[in-house]
PDB file of N, CA and C in Angstrom:
ATOM      1  N   MET A   1      -5.419  15.607 -11.875  1.00  0.00           N
ATOM      2  CA  MET A   1      -5.012  14.286 -11.426  1.00  0.00           C
ATOM      3  C   MET A   1      -4.429  13.527 -12.616  1.00  0.00           C
ATOM      4  N   LEU A   2      -3.359  12.820 -12.409  1.00  0.00           N
ATOM      5  CA  LEU A   2      -2.688  12.070 -13.454  1.00  0.00           C
ATOM      6  C   LEU A   2      -3.114  10.614 -13.381  1.00  0.00           C
ATOM      7  N   PHE A   3      -3.488  10.048 -14.508  1.00  0.00           N
ATOM      8  CA  PHE A   3      -3.896   8.649 -14.562  1.00  0.00           C
ATOM      9  C   PHE A   3      -2.944   7.872 -15.449  1.00  0.00           C
ATOM     10  N   CYS A   4      -2.838   6.574 -15.188  1.00  0.00           N
ATOM     11  CA  CYS A   4      -2.032   5.698 -16.028  1.00  0.00           C
ATOM     12  C   CYS A   4      -2.758   5.504 -17.351  1.00  0.00           C
ATOM     13  N   VAL A   5      -2.040   5.610 -18.440  1.00  0.00           N
ATOM     14  CA  VAL A   5      -2.645   5.384 -19.741  1.00  0.00           C
ATOM     15  C   VAL A   5      -2.640   3.894 -20.036  1.00  0.00           C
ATOM     16  N   ALA A   6      -1.520   3.249 -19.870  1.00  0.00           N
ATOM     17  CA  ALA A   6      -1.414   1.819 -20.135  1.00  0.00           C
ATOM     18  C   ALA A   6      -1.672   1.050 -18.847  1.00  0.00           C
ATOM     19  N   MET A   7      -2.560   0.095 -18.920  1.00  0.00           N
ATOM     20  CA  MET A   7      -2.888  -0.679 -17.728  1.00  0.00           C
ATOM     21  C   MET A   7      -2.150  -2.019 -17.745  1.00  0.00           C
ATOM     22  N   LYS A   8      -0.907  -1.990 -18.122  1.00  0.00           N
ATOM     23  CA  LYS A   8      -0.095  -3.196 -18.145  1.00  0.00           C
ATOM     24  C   LYS A   8       0.896  -3.154 -16.998  1.00  0.00           C
ATOM     25  N   PRO A   9       1.380  -4.312 -16.598  1.00  0.00           N
ATOM     26  CA  PRO A   9       2.378  -4.313 -15.522  1.00  0.00           C
ATOM     27  C   PRO A   9       3.662  -3.630 -16.003  1.00  0.00           C
ATOM     28  N   TYR A  10       4.305  -2.946 -15.103  1.00  0.00           N
ATOM     29  CA  TYR A  10       5.562  -2.280 -15.420  1.00  0.00           C
ATOM     30  C   TYR A  10       6.709  -3.266 -15.251  1.00  0.00           C
ATOM     31  N   SER A  11       7.765  -3.069 -16.028  1.00  0.00           N
ATOM     32  CA  SER A  11       8.949  -3.904 -15.834  1.00  0.00           C
ATOM     33  C   SER A  11       9.941  -3.127 -14.974  1.00  0.00           C
ATOM     34  N   HIS A  12      10.606  -3.853 -14.114  1.00  0.00           N
ATOM     35  CA  HIS A  12      11.580  -3.271 -13.192  1.00  0.00           C
ATOM     36  C   HIS A  12      12.844  -4.122 -13.249  1.00  0.00           C
ATOM     37  N   PRO A  13      14.016  -3.497 -13.198  1.00  0.00           N
ATOM     38  CA  PRO A  13      15.241  -4.295 -13.201  1.00  0.00           C
ATOM     39  C   PRO A  13      15.383  -5.079 -11.895  1.00  0.00           C
ATOM     40  N   GLU A  14      16.010  -6.223 -11.998  1.00  0.00           N
ATOM     41  CA  GLU A  14      16.328  -6.994 -10.801  1.00  0.00           C
ATOM     42  C   GLU A  14      17.381  -6.212 -10.012  1.00  0.00           C
ATOM     43  N   PRO A  15      17.327  -6.260  -8.680  1.00  0.00           N
ATOM     44  CA  PRO A  15      18.293  -5.488  -7.879  1.00  0.00           C
ATOM     45  C   PRO A  15      19.752  -5.729  -8.264  1.00  0.00           C
ATOM     46  N   GLN A  16      20.116  -6.969  -8.566  1.00  0.00           N
ATOM     47  CA  GLN A  16      21.510  -7.262  -8.907  1.00  0.00           C
ATOM     48  C   GLN A  16      21.911  -6.678 -10.262  1.00  0.00           C
ATOM     49  N   ASP A  17      20.926  -6.294 -11.089  1.00  0.00           N
ATOM     50  CA  ASP A  17      21.222  -5.703 -12.393  1.00  0.00           C
ATOM     51  C   ASP A  17      21.317  -4.178 -12.352  1.00  0.00           C
ATOM     52  N   VAL A  18      20.997  -3.582 -11.224  1.00  0.00           N
ATOM     53  CA  VAL A  18      21.044  -2.124 -11.077  1.00  0.00           C
ATOM     54  C   VAL A  18      22.504  -1.708 -10.904  1.00  0.00           C
ATOM     55  N   THR A  19      22.930  -0.737 -11.714  1.00  0.00           N
ATOM     56  CA  THR A  19      24.320  -0.277 -11.640  1.00  0.00           C
ATOM     57  C   THR A  19      24.388   1.123 -11.039  1.00  0.00           C
ATOM     58  N   LEU A  20      25.485   1.402 -10.379  1.00  0.00           N
ATOM     59  CA  LEU A  20      25.670   2.717  -9.764  1.00  0.00           C
ATOM     60  C   LEU A  20      25.652   3.846 -10.797  1.00  0.00           C
ATOM     61  N   PRO A  21      26.319   3.705 -11.954  1.00  0.00           N
ATOM     62  CA  PRO A  21      26.236   4.793 -12.939  1.00  0.00           C
ATOM     63  C   PRO A  21      24.796   5.093 -13.380  1.00  0.00           C
ATOM     64  N   THR A  22      23.973   4.068 -13.531  1.00  0.00           N
ATOM     65  CA  THR A  22      22.581   4.273 -13.929  1.00  0.00           C
ATOM     66  C   THR A  22      21.813   4.998 -12.834  1.00  0.00           C
ATOM     67  N   VAL A  23      22.027   4.597 -11.592  1.00  0.00           N
ATOM     68  CA  VAL A  23      21.360   5.248 -10.461  1.00  0.00           C
ATOM     69  C   VAL A  23      21.810   6.701 -10.355  1.00  0.00           C
ATOM     70  N   MET A  24      23.101   6.949 -10.488  1.00  0.00           N
ATOM     71  CA  MET A  24      23.612   8.318 -10.382  1.00  0.00           C
ATOM     72  C   MET A  24      23.087   9.193 -11.516  1.00  0.00           C
ATOM     73  N   GLN A  25      22.970   8.616 -12.715  1.00  0.00           N
ATOM     74  CA  GLN A  25      22.398   9.368 -13.838  1.00  0.00           C
ATOM     75  C   GLN A  25      20.948   9.738 -13.533  1.00  0.00           C
ATOM     76  N   ALA A  26      20.192   8.802 -12.966  1.00  0.00           N
ATOM     77  CA  ALA A  26      18.797   9.083 -12.608  1.00  0.00           C
ATOM     78  C   ALA A  26      18.712  10.179 -11.554  1.00  0.00           C
ATOM     79  N   LEU A  27      19.679  10.219 -10.658  1.00  0.00           N
ATOM     80  CA  LEU A  27      19.681  11.221  -9.589  1.00  0.00           C
ATOM     81  C   LEU A  27      20.321  12.546 -10.012  1.00  0.00           C
ATOM     82  N   SER A  28      20.703  12.655 -11.270  1.00  0.00           N
ATOM     83  CA  SER A  28      21.355  13.888 -11.730  1.00  0.00           C
ATOM     84  C   SER A  28      20.368  15.011 -12.031  1.00  0.00           C
ATOM     85  N   ASP A  29      19.087  14.711 -11.991  1.00  0.00           N
ATOM     86  CA  ASP A  29      18.072  15.730 -12.274  1.00  0.00           C
ATOM     87  C   ASP A  29      17.372  16.151 -10.987  1.00  0.00           C
ATOM     88  N   PRO A  30      17.308  17.443 -10.687  1.00  0.00           N
ATOM     89  CA  PRO A  30      16.670  17.914  -9.448  1.00  0.00           C
ATOM     90  C   PRO A  30      15.205  17.492  -9.317  1.00  0.00           C
ATOM     91  N   CYS A  31      14.498  17.411 -10.422  1.00  0.00           N
ATOM     92  CA  CYS A  31      13.091  17.005 -10.373  1.00  0.00           C
ATOM     93  C   CYS A  31      12.968  15.549  -9.916  1.00  0.00           C
ATOM     94  N   ARG A  32      13.844  14.687 -10.426  1.00  0.00           N
ATOM     95  CA  ARG A  32      13.801  13.276 -10.021  1.00  0.00           C
ATOM     96  C   ARG A  32      14.207  13.117  -8.562  1.00  0.00           C
ATOM     97  N   ILE A  33      15.141  13.924  -8.106  1.00  0.00           N
ATOM     98  CA  ILE A  33      15.510  13.885  -6.687  1.00  0.00           C
ATOM     99  C   ILE A  33      14.311  14.296  -5.843  1.00  0.00           C
ATOM    100  N   GLU A  34      13.589  15.309  -6.277  1.00  0.00           N
ATOM    101  CA  GLU A  34      12.409  15.767  -5.535  1.00  0.00           C
ATOM    102  C   GLU A  34      11.334  14.681  -5.491  1.00  0.00           C
ATOM    103  N   ILE A  35      11.148  13.971  -6.588  1.00  0.00           N
ATOM    104  CA  ILE A  35      10.188  12.859  -6.627  1.00  0.00           C
ATOM    105  C   ILE A  35      10.614  11.790  -5.632  1.00  0.00           C
ATOM    106  N   LEU A  36      11.880  11.413  -5.675  1.00  0.00           N
ATOM    107  CA  LEU A  36      12.388  10.373  -4.782  1.00  0.00           C
ATOM    108  C   LEU A  36      12.235  10.779  -3.323  1.00  0.00           C
ATOM    109  N   ARG A  37      12.557  12.016  -3.004  1.00  0.00           N
ATOM    110  CA  ARG A  37      12.426  12.496  -1.623  1.00  0.00           C
ATOM    111  C   ARG A  37      10.972  12.477  -1.166  1.00  0.00           C
ATOM    112  N   ALA A  38      10.063  12.908  -2.025  1.00  0.00           N
ATOM    113  CA  ALA A  38       8.639  12.900  -1.665  1.00  0.00           C
ATOM    114  C   ALA A  38       8.181  11.478  -1.368  1.00  0.00           C
ATOM    115  N   LEU A  39       8.607  10.536  -2.186  1.00  0.00           N
ATOM    116  CA  LEU A  39       8.232   9.136  -1.969  1.00  0.00           C
ATOM    117  C   LEU A  39       8.857   8.591  -0.687  1.00  0.00           C
ATOM    118  N   MET A  40      10.081   8.995  -0.393  1.00  0.00           N
ATOM    119  CA  MET A  40      10.737   8.524   0.823  1.00  0.00           C
ATOM    120  C   MET A  40      10.071   9.104   2.065  1.00  0.00           C
ATOM    121  N   GLU A  41       9.602  10.333   1.976  1.00  0.00           N
ATOM    122  CA  GLU A  41       8.954  10.972   3.125  1.00  0.00           C
ATOM    123  C   GLU A  41       7.527  10.486   3.327  1.00  0.00           C
ATOM    124  N   GLU A  42       6.794  10.295   2.243  1.00  0.00           N
ATOM    125  CA  GLU A  42       5.362   9.988   2.333  1.00  0.00           C
ATOM    126  C   GLU A  42       5.035   8.515   2.151  1.00  0.00           C
ATOM    127  N   GLY A  43       5.940   7.748   1.593  1.00  0.00           N
ATOM    128  CA  GLY A  43       5.629   6.363   1.265  1.00  0.00           C
ATOM    129  C   GLY A  43       5.031   6.292  -0.130  1.00  0.00           C
ATOM    130  N   GLU A  44       4.332   5.220  -0.417  1.00  0.00           N
ATOM    131  CA  GLU A  44       3.753   5.027  -1.746  1.00  0.00           C
ATOM    132  C   GLU A  44       2.767   6.145  -2.078  1.00  0.00           C
ATOM    133  N   LEU A  45       2.911   6.691  -3.280  1.00  0.00           N
ATOM    134  CA  LEU A  45       2.037   7.772  -3.737  1.00  0.00           C
ATOM    135  C   LEU A  45       1.630   7.534  -5.182  1.00  0.00           C
ATOM    136  N   ALA A  46       0.487   8.082  -5.549  1.00  0.00           N
ATOM    137  CA  ALA A  46       0.107   8.113  -6.960  1.00  0.00           C
ATOM    138  C   ALA A  46       1.000   9.137  -7.649  1.00  0.00           C
ATOM    139  N   CYS A  47       1.316   8.885  -8.891  1.00  0.00           N
ATOM    140  CA  CYS A  47       2.221   9.777  -9.625  1.00  0.00           C
ATOM    141  C   CYS A  47       1.751  11.225  -9.592  1.00  0.00           C
ATOM    142  N   GLY A  48       0.455  11.442  -9.684  1.00  0.00           N
ATOM    143  CA  GLY A  48      -0.079  12.796  -9.704  1.00  0.00           C
ATOM    144  C   GLY A  48      -0.166  13.456  -8.348  1.00  0.00           C
ATOM    145  N   ASP A  49       0.113  12.725  -7.279  1.00  0.00           N
ATOM    146  CA  ASP A  49       0.012  13.281  -5.925  1.00  0.00           C
ATOM    147  C   ASP A  49       1.238  14.085  -5.497  1.00  0.00           C
ATOM    148  N   ILE A  50       2.286  14.028  -6.282  1.00  0.00           N
ATOM    149  CA  ILE A  50       3.501  14.771  -5.952  1.00  0.00           C
ATOM    150  C   ILE A  50       3.431  16.111  -6.673  1.00  0.00           C
ATOM    151  N   PRO A  51       3.429  17.212  -5.926  1.00  0.00           N
ATOM    152  CA  PRO A  51       3.288  18.528  -6.562  1.00  0.00           C
ATOM    153  C   PRO A  51       4.554  18.927  -7.331  1.00  0.00           C
ATOM    154  N   LEU A  52       4.441  18.913  -8.647  1.00  0.00           N
ATOM    155  CA  LEU A  52       5.547  19.308  -9.517  1.00  0.00           C
ATOM    156  C   LEU A  52       4.997  20.234 -10.593  1.00  0.00           C
ATOM    157  N   ASP A  53       5.727  21.265 -10.910  1.00  0.00           N
ATOM    158  CA  ASP A  53       5.287  22.214 -11.927  1.00  0.00           C
ATOM    159  C   ASP A  53       5.860  21.809 -13.287  1.00  0.00           C
ATOM    160  N   ILE A  54       5.435  20.624 -13.764  1.00  0.00           N
ATOM    161  CA  ILE A  54       5.901  20.099 -15.045  1.00  0.00           C
ATOM    162  C   ILE A  54       4.722  19.458 -15.765  1.00  0.00           C
ATOM    163  N   SER A  55       4.874  19.244 -17.070  1.00  0.00           N
ATOM    164  CA  SER A  55       3.802  18.638 -17.862  1.00  0.00           C
ATOM    165  C   SER A  55       3.654  17.154 -17.526  1.00  0.00           C
ATOM    166  N   LYS A  56       2.527  16.572 -17.935  1.00  0.00           N
ATOM    167  CA  LYS A  56       2.300  15.140 -17.712  1.00  0.00           C
ATOM    168  C   LYS A  56       3.373  14.306 -18.401  1.00  0.00           C
ATOM    169  N   ALA A  57       3.731  14.698 -19.619  1.00  0.00           N
ATOM    170  CA  ALA A  57       4.736  13.944 -20.370  1.00  0.00           C
ATOM    171  C   ALA A  57       6.092  13.981 -19.669  1.00  0.00           C
ATOM    172  N   THR A  58       6.473  15.135 -19.169  1.00  0.00           N
ATOM    173  CA  THR A  58       7.749  15.260 -18.457  1.00  0.00           C
ATOM    174  C   THR A  58       7.710  14.480 -17.155  1.00  0.00           C
ATOM    175  N   ARG A  59       6.599  14.556 -16.461  1.00  0.00           N
ATOM    176  CA  ARG A  59       6.417  13.800 -15.213  1.00  0.00           C
ATOM    177  C   ARG A  59       6.564  12.307 -15.499  1.00  0.00           C
ATOM    178  N   SER A  60       5.887  11.839 -16.530  1.00  0.00           N
ATOM    179  CA  SER A  60       5.944  10.427 -16.900  1.00  0.00           C
ATOM    180  C   SER A  60       7.376  10.010 -17.229  1.00  0.00           C
ATOM    181  N   HIS A  61       8.089  10.861 -17.940  1.00  0.00           N
ATOM    182  CA  HIS A  61       9.488  10.580 -18.280  1.00  0.00           C
ATOM    183  C   HIS A  61      10.341  10.429 -17.017  1.00  0.00           C
ATOM    184  N   HIS A  62      10.188  11.340 -16.072  1.00  0.00           N
ATOM    185  CA  HIS A  62      10.990  11.287 -14.847  1.00  0.00           C
ATOM    186  C   HIS A  62      10.699  10.015 -14.044  1.00  0.00           C
ATOM    187  N   PHE A  63       9.429   9.637 -13.948  1.00  0.00           N
ATOM    188  CA  PHE A  63       9.091   8.403 -13.245  1.00  0.00           C
ATOM    189  C   PHE A  63       9.678   7.194 -13.967  1.00  0.00           C
ATOM    190  N   ALA A  64       9.655   7.203 -15.300  1.00  0.00           N
ATOM    191  CA  ALA A  64      10.224   6.092 -16.070  1.00  0.00           C
ATOM    192  C   ALA A  64      11.728   5.979 -15.842  1.00  0.00           C
ATOM    193  N   VAL A  65      12.424   7.101 -15.808  1.00  0.00           N
ATOM    194  CA  VAL A  65      13.875   7.079 -15.569  1.00  0.00           C
ATOM    195  C   VAL A  65      14.172   6.486 -14.191  1.00  0.00           C
ATOM    196  N   LEU A  66      13.426   6.910 -13.181  1.00  0.00           N
ATOM    197  CA  LEU A  66      13.626   6.376 -11.823  1.00  0.00           C
ATOM    198  C   LEU A  66      13.325   4.881 -11.769  1.00  0.00           C
ATOM    199  N   ARG A  67      12.275   4.460 -12.471  1.00  0.00           N
ATOM    200  CA  ARG A  67      11.895   3.045 -12.489  1.00  0.00           C
ATOM    201  C   ARG A  67      12.955   2.213 -13.213  1.00  0.00           C
ATOM    202  N   GLU A  68      13.384   2.679 -14.384  1.00  0.00           N
ATOM    203  CA  GLU A  68      14.378   1.944 -15.167  1.00  0.00           C
ATOM    204  C   GLU A  68      15.736   1.893 -14.472  1.00  0.00           C
ATOM    205  N   ALA A  69      16.009   2.864 -13.610  1.00  0.00           N
ATOM    206  CA  ALA A  69      17.256   2.862 -12.834  1.00  0.00           C
ATOM    207  C   ALA A  69      17.160   1.929 -11.633  1.00  0.00           C
ATOM    208  N   GLY A  70      15.959   1.428 -11.353  1.00  0.00           N
ATOM    209  CA  GLY A  70      15.777   0.505 -10.237  1.00  0.00           C
ATOM    210  C   GLY A  70      15.487   1.175  -8.911  1.00  0.00           C
ATOM    211  N   LEU A  71      15.301   2.489  -8.910  1.00  0.00           N
ATOM    212  CA  LEU A  71      15.077   3.216  -7.658  1.00  0.00           C
ATOM    213  C   LEU A  71      13.654   3.106  -7.133  1.00  0.00           C
ATOM    214  N   VAL A  72      12.685   2.976  -8.029  1.00  0.00           N
ATOM    215  CA  VAL A  72      11.287   2.937  -7.603  1.00  0.00           C
ATOM    216  C   VAL A  72      10.565   1.742  -8.201  1.00  0.00           C
ATOM    217  N   LEU A  73       9.465   1.407  -7.566  1.00  0.00           N
ATOM    218  CA  LEU A  73       8.575   0.341  -8.015  1.00  0.00           C
ATOM    219  C   LEU A  73       7.240   0.994  -8.339  1.00  0.00           C
ATOM    220  N   THR A  74       6.721   0.749  -9.535  1.00  0.00           N
ATOM    221  CA  THR A  74       5.438   1.318  -9.940  1.00  0.00           C
ATOM    222  C   THR A  74       4.467   0.190 -10.239  1.00  0.00           C
ATOM    223  N   ARG A  75       3.253   0.350  -9.742  1.00  0.00           N
ATOM    224  CA  ARG A  75       2.201  -0.636  -9.989  1.00  0.00           C
ATOM    225  C   ARG A  75       0.915   0.118 -10.291  1.00  0.00           C
ATOM    226  N   THR A  76       0.018  -0.548 -10.985  1.00  0.00           N
ATOM    227  CA  THR A  76      -1.269   0.082 -11.257  1.00  0.00           C
ATOM    228  C   THR A  76      -2.278  -0.367 -10.218  1.00  0.00           C
ATOM    229  N   GLU A  77      -3.104   0.578  -9.824  1.00  0.00           N
ATOM    230  CA  GLU A  77      -4.202   0.305  -8.895  1.00  0.00           C
ATOM    231  C   GLU A  77      -5.424   0.996  -9.491  1.00  0.00           C
ATOM    232  N   GLY A  78      -6.246   0.219 -10.172  1.00  0.00           N
ATOM    233  CA  GLY A  78      -7.356   0.818 -10.897  1.00  0.00           C
ATOM    234  C   GLY A  78      -6.801   1.644 -12.038  1.00  0.00           C
ATOM    235  N   THR A  79      -7.086   2.935 -12.026  1.00  0.00           N
ATOM    236  CA  THR A  79      -6.587   3.823 -13.077  1.00  0.00           C
ATOM    237  C   THR A  79      -5.400   4.652 -12.613  1.00  0.00           C
ATOM    238  N   ARG A  80      -4.871   4.352 -11.451  1.00  0.00           N
ATOM    239  CA  ARG A  80      -3.773   5.154 -10.898  1.00  0.00           C
ATOM    240  C   ARG A  80      -2.461   4.380 -10.912  1.00  0.00           C
ATOM    241  N   CYS A  81      -1.379   5.123 -11.097  1.00  0.00           N
ATOM    242  CA  CYS A  81      -0.027   4.566 -11.001  1.00  0.00           C
ATOM    243  C   CYS A  81       0.473   4.839  -9.590  1.00  0.00           C
ATOM    244  N   MET A  82       0.720   3.804  -8.841  1.00  0.00           N
ATOM    245  CA  MET A  82       1.226   3.943  -7.477  1.00  0.00           C
ATOM    246  C   MET A  82       2.723   3.639  -7.494  1.00  0.00           C
ATOM    247  N   THR A  83       3.502   4.533  -6.912  1.00  0.00           N
ATOM    248  CA  THR A  83       4.956   4.400  -6.948  1.00  0.00           C
ATOM    249  C   THR A  83       5.526   4.457  -5.539  1.00  0.00           C
ATOM    250  N   SER A  84       6.526   3.619  -5.294  1.00  0.00           N
ATOM    251  CA  SER A  84       7.216   3.602  -4.004  1.00  0.00           C
ATOM    252  C   SER A  84       8.710   3.405  -4.247  1.00  0.00           C
ATOM    253  N   VAL A  85       9.501   3.807  -3.279  1.00  0.00           N
ATOM    254  CA  VAL A  85      10.956   3.639  -3.359  1.00  0.00           C
ATOM    255  C   VAL A  85      11.295   2.199  -3.002  1.00  0.00           C
ATOM    256  N   ARG A  86      12.225   1.622  -3.711  1.00  0.00           N
ATOM    257  CA  ARG A  86      12.691   0.261  -3.428  1.00  0.00           C
ATOM    258  C   ARG A  86      13.775   0.350  -2.340  1.00  0.00           C
ATOM    259  N   THR A  87      13.357   0.781  -1.173  1.00  0.00           N
ATOM    260  CA  THR A  87      14.279   1.104  -0.088  1.00  0.00           C
ATOM    261  C   THR A  87      15.165  -0.075   0.295  1.00  0.00           C
ATOM    262  N   GLU A  88      14.570  -1.214   0.577  1.00  0.00           N
ATOM    263  CA  GLU A  88      15.364  -2.367   1.026  1.00  0.00           C
ATOM    264  C   GLU A  88      16.361  -2.806  -0.032  1.00  0.00           C
ATOM    265  N   GLU A  89      15.904  -2.897  -1.283  1.00  0.00           N
ATOM    266  CA  GLU A  89      16.789  -3.325  -2.364  1.00  0.00           C
ATOM    267  C   GLU A  89      17.940  -2.341  -2.560  1.00  0.00           C
ATOM    268  N   MET A  90      17.628  -1.046  -2.525  1.00  0.00           N
ATOM    269  CA  MET A  90      18.671  -0.034  -2.721  1.00  0.00           C
ATOM    270  C   MET A  90      19.655  -0.014  -1.553  1.00  0.00           C
ATOM    271  N   GLU A  91      19.153  -0.204  -0.350  1.00  0.00           N
ATOM    272  CA  GLU A  91      20.037  -0.208   0.821  1.00  0.00           C
ATOM    273  C   GLU A  91      20.989  -1.403   0.770  1.00  0.00           C
ATOM    274  N   LYS A  92      20.501  -2.549   0.304  1.00  0.00           N
ATOM    275  CA  LYS A  92      21.376  -3.725   0.179  1.00  0.00           C
ATOM    276  C   LYS A  92      22.397  -3.528  -0.935  1.00  0.00           C
ATOM    277  N   ARG A  93      21.949  -2.956  -2.042  1.00  0.00           N
ATOM    278  CA  ARG A  93      22.814  -2.797  -3.216  1.00  0.00           C
ATOM    279  C   ARG A  93      23.813  -1.649  -3.039  1.00  0.00           C
ATOM    280  N   PHE A  94      23.333  -0.507  -2.542  1.00  0.00           N
ATOM    281  CA  PHE A  94      24.166   0.691  -2.372  1.00  0.00           C
ATOM    282  C   PHE A  94      23.911   1.278  -0.990  1.00  0.00           C
ATOM    283  N   PRO A  95      24.499   0.679   0.055  1.00  0.00           N
ATOM    284  CA  PRO A  95      24.238   1.127   1.428  1.00  0.00           C
ATOM    285  C   PRO A  95      24.498   2.622   1.622  1.00  0.00           C
ATOM    286  N   GLY A  96      23.517   3.290   2.208  1.00  0.00           N
ATOM    287  CA  GLY A  96      23.660   4.697   2.551  1.00  0.00           C
ATOM    288  C   GLY A  96      23.300   5.686   1.454  1.00  0.00           C
ATOM    289  N   LEU A  97      23.084   5.218   0.239  1.00  0.00           N
ATOM    290  CA  LEU A  97      22.813   6.135  -0.867  1.00  0.00           C
ATOM    291  C   LEU A  97      21.531   6.937  -0.649  1.00  0.00           C
ATOM    292  N   LEU A  98      20.455   6.275  -0.278  1.00  0.00           N
ATOM    293  CA  LEU A  98      19.190   6.987  -0.064  1.00  0.00           C
ATOM    294  C   LEU A  98      19.281   7.941   1.123  1.00  0.00           C
ATOM    295  N   ASP A  99      20.048   7.563   2.140  1.00  0.00           N
ATOM    296  CA  ASP A  99      20.256   8.473   3.278  1.00  0.00           C
ATOM    297  C   ASP A  99      20.952   9.757   2.830  1.00  0.00           C
ATOM    298  N   LEU A 100      21.903   9.630   1.911  1.00  0.00           N
ATOM    299  CA  LEU A 100      22.591  10.818   1.389  1.00  0.00           C
ATOM    300  C   LEU A 100      21.623  11.739   0.658  1.00  0.00           C
ATOM    301  N   VAL A 101      20.714  11.153  -0.099  1.00  0.00           N
ATOM    302  CA  VAL A 101      19.718  11.953  -0.818  1.00  0.00           C
ATOM    303  C   VAL A 101      18.868  12.738   0.175  1.00  0.00           C
ATOM    304  N   MET A 102      18.431  12.087   1.241  1.00  0.00           N
ATOM    305  CA  MET A 102      17.600  12.761   2.245  1.00  0.00           C
ATOM    306  C   MET A 102      18.419  13.758   3.067  1.00  0.00           C
ATOM    307  N   ARG A 103      19.654  13.422   3.359  1.00  0.00           N
ATOM    308  CA  ARG A 103      20.502  14.304   4.157  1.00  0.00           C
ATOM    309  C   ARG A 103      20.763  15.617   3.428  1.00  0.00           C
ATOM    310  N   GLU A 104      20.923  15.560   2.125  1.00  0.00           N
ATOM    311  CA  GLU A 104      21.157  16.773   1.341  1.00  0.00           C
ATOM    312  C   GLU A 104      19.947  17.697   1.416  1.00  0.00           C
ATOM    313  N   LYS A 105      18.753  17.147   1.406  1.00  0.00           N
ATOM    314  CA  LYS A 105      17.550  17.975   1.546  1.00  0.00           C
ATOM    315  C   LYS A 105      17.515  18.607   2.932  1.00  0.00           C
ATOM    316  N   ALA A 106      17.870  17.830   3.938  1.00  0.00           N
ATOM    317  CA  ALA A 106      17.863  18.343   5.308  1.00  0.00           C
ATOM    318  C   ALA A 106      18.821  19.526   5.433  1.00  0.00           C
ATOM    319  N   LYS A 107      19.954  19.441   4.742  1.00  0.00           N
ATOM    320  CA  LYS A 107      20.922  20.536   4.769  1.00  0.00           C
ATOM    321  C   LYS A 107      20.323  21.815   4.192  1.00  0.00           C
ATOM    322  N   LYS A 108      19.578  21.660   3.100  1.00  0.00           N
ATOM    323  CA  LYS A 108      19.000  22.823   2.424  1.00  0.00           C
ATOM    324  C   LYS A 108      17.828  23.412   3.194  1.00  0.00           C
ATOM    325  N   THR A 109      17.025  22.557   3.840  1.00  0.00           N
ATOM    326  CA  THR A 109      15.823  23.040   4.526  1.00  0.00           C
ATOM    327  C   THR A 109      16.042  23.282   6.003  1.00  0.00           C
ATOM    328  N   GLY A 110      17.124  22.723   6.548  1.00  0.00           N
ATOM    329  CA  GLY A 110      17.377  22.857   7.976  1.00  0.00           C
ATOM    330  C   GLY A 110      16.602  21.855   8.810  1.00  0.00           C
ATOM    331  N   LYS A 111      15.879  20.943   8.145  1.00  0.00           N
ATOM    332  CA  LYS A 111      15.112  19.917   8.859  1.00  0.00           C
ATOM    333  C   LYS A 111      15.895  18.622   8.871  1.00  0.00           C
ATOM    334  N   LYS A 112      15.747  17.873   9.954  1.00  0.00           N
ATOM    335  CA  LYS A 112      16.369  16.558  10.018  1.00  0.00           C
ATOM    336  C   LYS A 112      15.534  15.596   9.183  1.00  0.00           C
ATOM    337  N   PRO A 113      16.195  14.675   8.427  1.00  0.00           N
ATOM    338  CA  PRO A 113      15.434  13.716   7.640  1.00  0.00           C
ATOM    339  C   PRO A 113      14.664  12.765   8.544  1.00  0.00           C
ATOM    340  N   ALA A 114      13.468  12.426   8.123  1.00  0.00           N
ATOM    341  CA  ALA A 114      12.649  11.481   8.883  1.00  0.00           C
ATOM    342  C   ALA A 114      13.268  10.105   8.778  1.00  0.00           C
ATOM    343  N   ALA A 115      13.361   9.419   9.895  1.00  0.00           N
ATOM    344  CA  ALA A 115      13.912   8.065   9.896  1.00  0.00           C
ATOM    345  C   ALA A 115      12.857   7.110   9.382  1.00  0.00           C
ATOM    346  N   LYS A 116      13.213   6.339   8.365  1.00  0.00           N
ATOM    347  CA  LYS A 116      12.315   5.330   7.811  1.00  0.00           C
ATOM    348  C   LYS A 116      12.872   3.975   8.186  1.00  0.00           C
ATOM    349  N   SER A 117      12.026   3.118   8.662  1.00  0.00           N
ATOM    350  CA  SER A 117      12.487   1.772   8.982  1.00  0.00           C
ATOM    351  C   SER A 117      12.469   0.934   7.729  1.00  0.00           C
ATOM    352  N   LEU A 118      13.423   0.038   7.623  1.00  0.00           N
ATOM    353  CA  LEU A 118      13.514  -0.825   6.444  1.00  0.00           C
ATOM    354  C   LEU A 118      12.663  -2.026   6.587  1.00  0.00           C
TER     355      LEU A 118
END
């Protein structure tokens, strides 16, 4: 199980400060796409609840990149880091982008993406 080391509030960019190049750079790594998809399918999750075959340091780095790009919101709950996708903000800022991420997975797995309400 992965626990938060620092129990301080995380900083997140304001939606209007999120840029498309930064978001696309964050989505350029397959591991980060997998994290984002898991969060979109399951909702808010603890960082350690997403099955990834990577070290804690690498996992932490990927979550930080997603957070700094404005794609996810991370908060502490006790000793756990809870992360969720900033769905509404991303849909307003870049309409359809998150749907494309989910649609690409559906193409690979043959499953239709689950519809999430905003």
